[in-house]
């Protein structure tokens, strides 16, 4: 298992993971993200980063994270969304 940072060409794959998570959470109707929006906000405006979990050359999961700032703590932090391993890597029959 290894890791790699996403690049601009991965917007379709990122969106696929977002849609898988939404389906699992029964929230597919709430996904308004598009590849163009992800490209703009993640890669052009650099407001978040994505790290893929890979087995060999195949992406099997990912995390999206971005920096924040706590006024109460007076310091920067990081907010991380961990996305599940893809359905191709584990049984998903009971999840969708």
N, C-alpha and C. Protein backbone atom coordinates (compact mmCIF):
# COMPACT_ATOMS: atom_id res chain seq x y z
N UNK A 1 0.84 -1.16 0.00
CA UNK A 1 0.00 0.00 0.00
C UNK A 1 0.90 1.24 0.00
N UNK A 2 0.52 2.22 -0.82
CA UNK A 2 1.26 3.46 -0.84
C UNK A 2 0.29 4.62 -1.02
N UNK A 3 0.82 5.82 -1.05
CA UNK A 3 0.01 7.02 -1.13
C UNK A 3 0.53 7.92 -2.24
N UNK A 4 -0.39 8.73 -2.80
CA UNK A 4 0.04 9.74 -3.76
C UNK A 4 -0.93 10.91 -3.70
N UNK A 5 -0.39 12.10 -3.92
CA UNK A 5 -1.25 13.27 -3.99
C UNK A 5 -1.97 13.31 -5.32
N UNK A 6 -3.21 13.78 -5.30
CA UNK A 6 -4.00 13.91 -6.52
C UNK A 6 -3.43 15.05 -7.37
N UNK A 7 -3.66 14.95 -8.66
CA UNK A 7 -3.34 16.05 -9.57
C UNK A 7 -4.59 16.43 -10.34
N UNK A 8 -4.49 17.45 -11.13
CA UNK A 8 -5.66 18.01 -11.82
C UNK A 8 -6.38 16.98 -12.69
N UNK A 9 -5.65 16.03 -13.22
CA UNK A 9 -6.26 15.00 -14.07
C UNK A 9 -7.11 14.01 -13.27
N UNK A 10 -7.07 14.07 -11.95
CA UNK A 10 -7.80 13.14 -11.09
C UNK A 10 -9.19 13.65 -10.69
N UNK A 11 -9.64 14.77 -11.23
CA UNK A 11 -10.93 15.33 -10.80
C UNK A 11 -12.08 14.35 -10.99
N UNK A 12 -12.08 13.59 -12.07
CA UNK A 12 -13.13 12.60 -12.28
C UNK A 12 -13.11 11.52 -11.22
N UNK A 13 -11.93 11.07 -10.85
CA UNK A 13 -11.79 10.04 -9.82
C UNK A 13 -12.21 10.58 -8.45
N UNK A 14 -11.83 11.80 -8.15
CA UNK A 14 -12.25 12.43 -6.89
C UNK A 14 -13.77 12.50 -6.83
N UNK A 15 -14.38 12.96 -7.91
CA UNK A 15 -15.83 13.06 -7.96
C UNK A 15 -16.48 11.68 -7.81
N UNK A 16 -15.87 10.67 -8.37
CA UNK A 16 -16.38 9.31 -8.24
C UNK A 16 -16.41 8.88 -6.77
N UNK A 17 -15.35 9.17 -6.04
CA UNK A 17 -15.32 8.84 -4.61
C UNK A 17 -16.36 9.64 -3.84
N UNK A 18 -16.53 10.91 -4.17
CA UNK A 18 -17.55 11.72 -3.51
C UNK A 18 -18.93 11.12 -3.75
N UNK A 19 -19.20 10.69 -4.98
CA UNK A 19 -20.50 10.09 -5.30
C UNK A 19 -20.69 8.76 -4.58
N UNK A 20 -19.62 7.96 -4.46
CA UNK A 20 -19.71 6.70 -3.72
C UNK A 20 -20.07 6.95 -2.26
N UNK A 21 -19.42 7.95 -1.66
CA UNK A 21 -19.71 8.28 -0.27
C UNK A 21 -21.15 8.77 -0.13
N UNK A 22 -21.59 9.61 -1.05
CA UNK A 22 -22.96 10.13 -1.00
C UNK A 22 -23.97 8.99 -1.12
N UNK A 23 -23.71 8.04 -1.99
CA UNK A 23 -24.61 6.89 -2.15
C UNK A 23 -24.66 6.09 -0.85
N UNK A 24 -23.51 5.87 -0.25
CA UNK A 24 -23.45 5.14 1.02
C UNK A 24 -24.25 5.85 2.11
N UNK A 25 -24.16 7.18 2.13
CA UNK A 25 -24.86 7.98 3.14
C UNK A 25 -26.31 8.27 2.74
N UNK A 26 -26.73 7.74 1.59
CA UNK A 26 -28.07 7.99 1.05
C UNK A 26 -28.33 9.49 0.87
N UNK A 27 -27.31 10.17 0.31
CA UNK A 27 -27.36 11.61 0.10
C UNK A 27 -26.98 11.98 -1.33
N UNK A 28 -27.13 11.06 -2.27
CA UNK A 28 -26.71 11.30 -3.65
C UNK A 28 -27.37 12.53 -4.24
N UNK A 29 -28.61 12.81 -3.84
CA UNK A 29 -29.33 13.96 -4.39
C UNK A 29 -28.73 15.29 -3.95
N UNK A 30 -27.83 15.27 -2.98
CA UNK A 30 -27.24 16.50 -2.48
C UNK A 30 -25.89 16.84 -3.12
N UNK A 31 -25.36 15.94 -3.93
CA UNK A 31 -24.06 16.20 -4.57
C UNK A 31 -24.25 17.16 -5.73
N UNK A 32 -23.65 18.33 -5.61
CA UNK A 32 -23.69 19.31 -6.70
C UNK A 32 -22.28 19.56 -7.27
N UNK A 33 -21.30 18.92 -6.67
CA UNK A 33 -19.92 19.06 -7.14
C UNK A 33 -19.80 18.56 -8.57
N UNK A 34 -18.93 19.21 -9.33
CA UNK A 34 -18.60 18.80 -10.69
C UNK A 34 -17.08 18.72 -10.80
N UNK A 35 -16.61 18.10 -11.86
CA UNK A 35 -15.17 18.06 -12.09
C UNK A 35 -14.60 19.46 -12.19
N UNK A 36 -15.34 20.35 -12.87
CA UNK A 36 -14.86 21.73 -13.02
C UNK A 36 -14.77 22.45 -11.68
N UNK A 37 -15.76 22.27 -10.80
CA UNK A 37 -15.71 22.89 -9.47
C UNK A 37 -14.54 22.34 -8.66
N UNK A 38 -14.34 21.03 -8.71
CA UNK A 38 -13.21 20.44 -7.99
C UNK A 38 -11.89 20.97 -8.52
N UNK A 39 -11.75 21.05 -9.83
CA UNK A 39 -10.54 21.58 -10.45
C UNK A 39 -10.27 23.01 -9.97
N UNK A 40 -11.33 23.81 -9.98
CA UNK A 40 -11.19 25.21 -9.58
C UNK A 40 -10.76 25.32 -8.11
N UNK A 41 -11.48 24.67 -7.19
CA UNK A 41 -11.27 24.88 -5.77
C UNK A 41 -10.09 24.10 -5.20
N UNK A 42 -9.83 22.91 -5.73
CA UNK A 42 -8.71 22.12 -5.20
C UNK A 42 -7.39 22.49 -5.86
N UNK A 43 -7.40 22.64 -7.18
CA UNK A 43 -6.12 22.80 -7.89
C UNK A 43 -5.80 24.23 -8.29
N UNK A 44 -6.79 25.01 -8.68
CA UNK A 44 -6.51 26.39 -9.06
C UNK A 44 -6.44 27.31 -7.85
N UNK A 45 -7.44 27.23 -6.97
CA UNK A 45 -7.48 28.10 -5.79
C UNK A 45 -6.74 27.50 -4.60
N UNK A 46 -6.39 26.21 -4.72
CA UNK A 46 -5.62 25.49 -3.69
C UNK A 46 -6.26 25.59 -2.30
N UNK A 47 -7.56 25.34 -2.23
CA UNK A 47 -8.29 25.40 -0.97
C UNK A 47 -8.37 24.06 -0.26
N UNK A 48 -7.96 22.98 -0.91
CA UNK A 48 -7.96 21.64 -0.31
C UNK A 48 -6.92 20.80 -1.03
N UNK A 49 -6.62 19.66 -0.45
CA UNK A 49 -5.73 18.69 -1.09
C UNK A 49 -6.35 17.31 -0.97
N UNK A 50 -5.97 16.43 -1.87
CA UNK A 50 -6.47 15.06 -1.87
C UNK A 50 -5.27 14.11 -1.90
N UNK A 51 -5.33 13.11 -1.04
CA UNK A 51 -4.31 12.09 -0.97
C UNK A 51 -4.98 10.75 -1.25
N UNK A 52 -4.48 10.02 -2.24
CA UNK A 52 -5.02 8.71 -2.58
C UNK A 52 -4.27 7.61 -1.85
N UNK A 53 -5.00 6.58 -1.47
CA UNK A 53 -4.43 5.34 -0.97
C UNK A 53 -4.38 4.40 -2.17
N UNK A 54 -3.24 3.81 -2.43
CA UNK A 54 -3.08 2.96 -3.62
C UNK A 54 -2.58 1.58 -3.22
N UNK A 55 -3.06 0.59 -3.95
CA UNK A 55 -2.50 -0.75 -3.90
C UNK A 55 -1.88 -0.97 -5.26
N UNK A 56 -0.57 -1.01 -5.29
CA UNK A 56 0.12 -1.02 -6.58
C UNK A 56 -0.12 0.30 -7.29
N UNK A 57 -0.63 0.24 -8.50
CA UNK A 57 -0.92 1.45 -9.28
C UNK A 57 -2.39 1.86 -9.20
N UNK A 58 -3.20 1.13 -8.43
CA UNK A 58 -4.65 1.36 -8.38
C UNK A 58 -5.04 2.12 -7.12
N UNK A 59 -5.81 3.20 -7.32
CA UNK A 59 -6.34 3.96 -6.19
C UNK A 59 -7.48 3.17 -5.55
N UNK A 60 -7.43 3.02 -4.23
CA UNK A 60 -8.46 2.25 -3.54
C UNK A 60 -9.17 3.05 -2.45
N UNK A 61 -8.77 4.27 -2.22
CA UNK A 61 -9.40 5.14 -1.24
C UNK A 61 -8.72 6.49 -1.24
N UNK A 62 -9.30 7.44 -0.51
CA UNK A 62 -8.63 8.73 -0.43
C UNK A 62 -9.10 9.57 0.74
N UNK A 63 -8.33 10.60 1.01
CA UNK A 63 -8.67 11.58 2.04
C UNK A 63 -8.60 12.97 1.41
N UNK A 64 -9.55 13.80 1.76
CA UNK A 64 -9.55 15.20 1.33
C UNK A 64 -9.32 16.02 2.60
N UNK A 65 -8.42 16.98 2.54
CA UNK A 65 -8.15 17.79 3.72
C UNK A 65 -7.90 19.24 3.35
N UNK A 66 -8.16 20.11 4.31
CA UNK A 66 -7.92 21.53 4.11
C UNK A 66 -7.59 22.18 5.44
N UNK A 67 -6.90 23.30 5.37
CA UNK A 67 -6.49 24.02 6.56
C UNK A 67 -7.61 24.93 7.04
N UNK A 68 -7.69 25.08 8.35
CA UNK A 68 -8.66 25.98 8.94
C UNK A 68 -7.96 26.79 10.03
N UNK A 69 -8.71 27.64 10.69
CA UNK A 69 -8.15 28.43 11.78
C UNK A 69 -9.17 28.54 12.89
N UNK A 70 -8.76 28.24 14.10
CA UNK A 70 -9.64 28.33 15.26
C UNK A 70 -9.41 29.65 15.97
N UNK A 71 -10.45 30.46 16.02
CA UNK A 71 -10.33 31.73 16.74
C UNK A 71 -10.23 31.48 18.24
N UNK A 72 -10.89 30.44 18.74
CA UNK A 72 -10.84 30.15 20.17
C UNK A 72 -9.46 29.66 20.60
N UNK A 73 -8.85 28.83 19.76
CA UNK A 73 -7.52 28.30 20.09
C UNK A 73 -6.41 29.25 19.67
N UNK A 74 -6.72 30.13 18.71
CA UNK A 74 -5.71 31.06 18.22
C UNK A 74 -4.63 30.40 17.40
N UNK A 75 -5.00 29.32 16.72
CA UNK A 75 -4.00 28.62 15.90
C UNK A 75 -4.65 27.92 14.71
N UNK A 76 -3.80 27.57 13.79
CA UNK A 76 -4.25 26.86 12.59
C UNK A 76 -4.45 25.39 12.90
N UNK A 77 -5.27 24.76 12.09
CA UNK A 77 -5.51 23.33 12.21
C UNK A 77 -5.70 22.73 10.84
N UNK A 78 -6.14 21.51 10.82
CA UNK A 78 -6.42 20.84 9.56
C UNK A 78 -7.69 20.02 9.73
N UNK A 79 -8.55 20.10 8.74
CA UNK A 79 -9.80 19.34 8.74
C UNK A 79 -9.67 18.25 7.70
N UNK A 80 -9.92 17.02 8.08
CA UNK A 80 -9.73 15.89 7.18
C UNK A 80 -11.03 15.11 7.02
N UNK A 81 -11.36 14.81 5.78
CA UNK A 81 -12.47 13.92 5.46
C UNK A 81 -11.86 12.65 4.92
N UNK A 82 -12.06 11.55 5.63
CA UNK A 82 -11.54 10.26 5.17
C UNK A 82 -12.64 9.53 4.43
N UNK A 83 -12.37 9.14 3.24
CA UNK A 83 -13.35 8.46 2.43
C UNK A 83 -13.08 6.97 2.46
N UNK A 84 -14.13 6.18 2.43
CA UNK A 84 -13.95 4.73 2.53
C UNK A 84 -13.22 4.15 1.33
N UNK A 85 -12.67 2.98 1.56
CA UNK A 85 -12.07 2.24 0.46
C UNK A 85 -13.15 1.98 -0.58
N UNK A 86 -12.79 2.02 -1.83
CA UNK A 86 -13.77 1.89 -2.90
C UNK A 86 -14.49 0.55 -2.86
N UNK A 87 -15.69 0.53 -3.42
CA UNK A 87 -16.51 -0.69 -3.45
C UNK A 87 -15.80 -1.82 -4.17
N UNK A 88 -14.90 -1.48 -5.09
CA UNK A 88 -14.19 -2.53 -5.83
C UNK A 88 -13.25 -3.29 -4.92
N UNK A 89 -12.87 -2.71 -3.78
CA UNK A 89 -11.91 -3.33 -2.88
C UNK A 89 -12.56 -4.03 -1.70
N UNK A 90 -13.87 -3.79 -1.49
CA UNK A 90 -14.58 -4.44 -0.39
C UNK A 90 -16.03 -4.63 -0.77
N UNK A 91 -16.73 -5.55 -0.14
CA UNK A 91 -18.15 -5.77 -0.48
C UNK A 91 -18.97 -4.54 -0.16
N UNK A 92 -19.81 -4.13 -1.11
CA UNK A 92 -20.63 -2.94 -0.92
C UNK A 92 -22.12 -3.23 -1.05
N UNK A 93 -22.50 -4.48 -1.18
CA UNK A 93 -23.90 -4.81 -1.42
C UNK A 93 -24.82 -4.21 -0.37
N UNK A 94 -24.39 -4.21 0.88
CA UNK A 94 -25.22 -3.73 1.98
C UNK A 94 -25.06 -2.24 2.23
N UNK A 95 -24.20 -1.58 1.47
CA UNK A 95 -23.88 -0.18 1.75
C UNK A 95 -24.67 0.79 0.91
N UNK A 96 -25.01 0.45 -0.30
CA UNK A 96 -25.63 1.42 -1.22
C UNK A 96 -27.09 1.61 -0.95
